[in-house]
Amino acid sequence: MAPLHFFKESRSCASALPPALGTQKAYAGKAAVNPELSLTALYRFDRHQSLMLNAGVKSLGKEIKDSPLVDRTTENRVMLGYLYRF
């Protein structure tokens, strides 16, 4: 059985692409070390219930910073959690 085609390729579609797409070099990623610092606080309401807060920052390695897809040098994080123990 032949595959179904929902559209027909045409040369006019290819010519509508911006010229910059064909001139960019491929980025080859490398392994990196990302140091991270975080702080966690835990508040116990009682024996069963707790509230947790975590905040952290991660510095991206040079190999990641050089990527054209990345526009920041750090990642920031804040998490809030609720824990119930049975």
C-alpha atoms as a PDB file:
ATOM      1  CA  MET A   1       0.000   0.000   0.000  1.00  0.00           C
ATOM      2  CA  ALA A   2       1.385   3.421  -0.948  1.00  0.00           C
ATOM      3  CA  PRO A   3       1.892   6.037   1.810  1.00  0.00           C
ATOM      4  CA  LEU A   4      -0.571   8.902   2.014  1.00  0.00           C
ATOM      5  CA  HIS A   5       0.716  12.379   1.180  1.00  0.00           C
ATOM      6  CA  PHE A   6      -1.122  15.365   2.594  1.00  0.00           C
ATOM      7  CA  PHE A   7       0.879  17.944   0.675  1.00  0.00           C
ATOM      8  CA  LYS A   8       2.997  18.011  -2.412  1.00  0.00           C
ATOM      9  CA  GLU A   9       6.591  19.211  -2.238  1.00  0.00           C
ATOM     10  CA  SER A  10       7.389  22.065  -4.527  1.00  0.00           C
ATOM     11  CA  ARG A  11      10.512  24.025  -5.320  1.00  0.00           C
ATOM     12  CA  SER A  12       8.782  27.294  -4.436  1.00  0.00           C
ATOM     13  CA  CYS A  13       8.651  26.232  -0.755  1.00  0.00           C
ATOM     14  CA  ALA A  14      12.390  25.577  -0.647  1.00  0.00           C
ATOM     15  CA  SER A  15      13.185  28.939  -2.183  1.00  0.00           C
ATOM     16  CA  ALA A  16      11.112  30.693   0.499  1.00  0.00           C
ATOM     17  CA  LEU A  17      13.577  29.678   3.250  1.00  0.00           C
ATOM     18  CA  PRO A  18      15.813  32.435   4.593  1.00  0.00           C
ATOM     19  CA  PRO A  19      19.312  32.279   3.121  1.00  0.00           C
ATOM     20  CA  ALA A  20      20.935  32.253   6.596  1.00  0.00           C
ATOM     21  CA  LEU A  21      19.761  28.700   7.254  1.00  0.00           C
ATOM     22  CA  GLY A  22      22.068  27.317   4.623  1.00  0.00           C
ATOM     23  CA  THR A  23      25.114  29.304   5.757  1.00  0.00           C
ATOM     24  CA  GLN A  24      25.242  28.341   9.461  1.00  0.00           C
ATOM     25  CA  LYS A  25      27.913  25.882  10.569  1.00  0.00           C
ATOM     26  CA  ALA A  26      26.913  22.796  12.526  1.00  0.00           C
ATOM     27  CA  TYR A  27      27.684  23.042  16.250  1.00  0.00           C
ATOM     28  CA  ALA A  28      29.595  20.080  17.704  1.00  0.00           C
ATOM     29  CA  GLY A  29      28.947  19.820  21.447  1.00  0.00           C
ATOM     30  CA  LYS A  30      31.508  18.538  23.955  1.00  0.00           C
ATOM     31  CA  ALA A  31      31.394  17.189  27.512  1.00  0.00           C
ATOM     32  CA  ALA A  32      31.273  19.837  30.255  1.00  0.00           C
ATOM     33  CA  VAL A  33      31.371  20.220  34.025  1.00  0.00           C
ATOM     34  CA  ASN A  34      28.529  22.307  35.510  1.00  0.00           C
ATOM     35  CA  PRO A  35      29.176  23.356  39.141  1.00  0.00           C
ATOM     36  CA  GLU A  36      25.992  23.764  41.166  1.00  0.00           C
ATOM     37  CA  LEU A  37      25.152  25.321  44.530  1.00  0.00           C
ATOM     38  CA  SER A  38      21.790  24.784  46.233  1.00  0.00           C
ATOM     39  CA  LEU A  39      20.146  25.308  49.599  1.00  0.00           C
ATOM     40  CA  THR A  40      17.255  23.239  50.966  1.00  0.00           C
ATOM     41  CA  ALA A  41      15.048  24.134  53.934  1.00  0.00           C
ATOM     42  CA  LEU A  42      12.551  21.742  55.536  1.00  0.00           C
ATOM     43  CA  TYR A  43       9.808  22.864  57.909  1.00  0.00           C
ATOM     44  CA  ARG A  44       7.888  20.154  59.772  1.00  0.00           C
ATOM     45  CA  PHE A  45       4.344  21.107  60.775  1.00  0.00           C
ATOM     46  CA  ASP A  46       3.915  17.900  62.732  1.00  0.00           C
ATOM     47  CA  ARG A  47       4.915  14.225  62.576  1.00  0.00           C
ATOM     48  CA  HIS A  48       3.241  13.726  59.192  1.00  0.00           C
ATOM     49  CA  GLN A  49       3.438  17.017  57.257  1.00  0.00           C
ATOM     50  CA  SER A  50       6.420  18.987  56.001  1.00  0.00           C
ATOM     51  CA  LEU A  51       7.038  21.888  53.637  1.00  0.00           C
ATOM     52  CA  MET A  52      10.272  21.981  51.637  1.00  0.00           C
ATOM     53  CA  LEU A  53      11.924  24.876  49.803  1.00  0.00           C
ATOM     54  CA  ASN A  54      14.919  24.442  47.502  1.00  0.00           C
ATOM     55  CA  ALA A  55      16.811  27.197  45.671  1.00  0.00           C
ATOM     56  CA  GLY A  56      19.882  26.727  43.533  1.00  0.00           C
ATOM     57  CA  VAL A  57      22.090  28.071  40.794  1.00  0.00           C
ATOM     58  CA  LYS A  58      24.103  26.130  38.208  1.00  0.00           C
ATOM     59  CA  SER A  59      26.968  27.599  36.214  1.00  0.00           C
ATOM     60  CA  LEU A  60      27.095  26.223  32.686  1.00  0.00           C
ATOM     61  CA  GLY A  61      30.406  24.961  31.381  1.00  0.00           C
ATOM     62  CA  LYS A  62      32.305  26.798  28.651  1.00  0.00           C
ATOM     63  CA  GLU A  63      31.442  24.042  26.173  1.00  0.00           C
ATOM     64  CA  ILE A  64      27.724  24.704  26.719  1.00  0.00           C
ATOM     65  CA  LYS A  65      28.027  28.513  26.811  1.00  0.00           C
ATOM     66  CA  ASP A  66      29.610  28.427  23.338  1.00  0.00           C
ATOM     67  CA  SER A  67      26.482  26.844  21.824  1.00  0.00           C
ATOM     68  CA  PRO A  68      24.393  29.127  19.605  1.00  0.00           C
ATOM     69  CA  LEU A  69      21.265  27.725  21.315  1.00  0.00           C
ATOM     70  CA  VAL A  70      22.240  29.020  24.768  1.00  0.00           C
ATOM     71  CA  ASP A  71      21.962  32.684  25.699  1.00  0.00           C
ATOM     72  CA  ARG A  72      22.617  32.410  29.469  1.00  0.00           C
ATOM     73  CA  THR A  73      25.635  31.388  31.506  1.00  0.00           C
ATOM     74  CA  THR A  74      23.679  30.134  34.549  1.00  0.00           C
ATOM     75  CA  GLU A  75      20.482  28.224  35.361  1.00  0.00           C
ATOM     76  CA  ASN A  76      18.448  29.324  38.380  1.00  0.00           C
ATOM     77  CA  ARG A  77      15.978  27.089  40.207  1.00  0.00           C
ATOM     78  CA  VAL A  78      13.375  27.493  42.965  1.00  0.00           C
ATOM     79  CA  MET A  79      11.224  24.553  44.062  1.00  0.00           C
ATOM     80  CA  LEU A  80       8.505  24.295  46.691  1.00  0.00           C
ATOM     81  CA  GLY A  81       7.280  20.917  47.883  1.00  0.00           C
ATOM     82  CA  TYR A  82       4.810  19.405  50.320  1.00  0.00           C
ATOM     83  CA  LEU A  83       5.506  16.067  51.971  1.00  0.00           C
ATOM     84  CA  TYR A  84       3.053  13.873  53.824  1.00  0.00           C
ATOM     85  CA  ARG A  85       4.380  10.861  55.715  1.00  0.00           C
ATOM     86  CA  PHE A  86       2.000   7.974  56.456  1.00  0.00           C
END
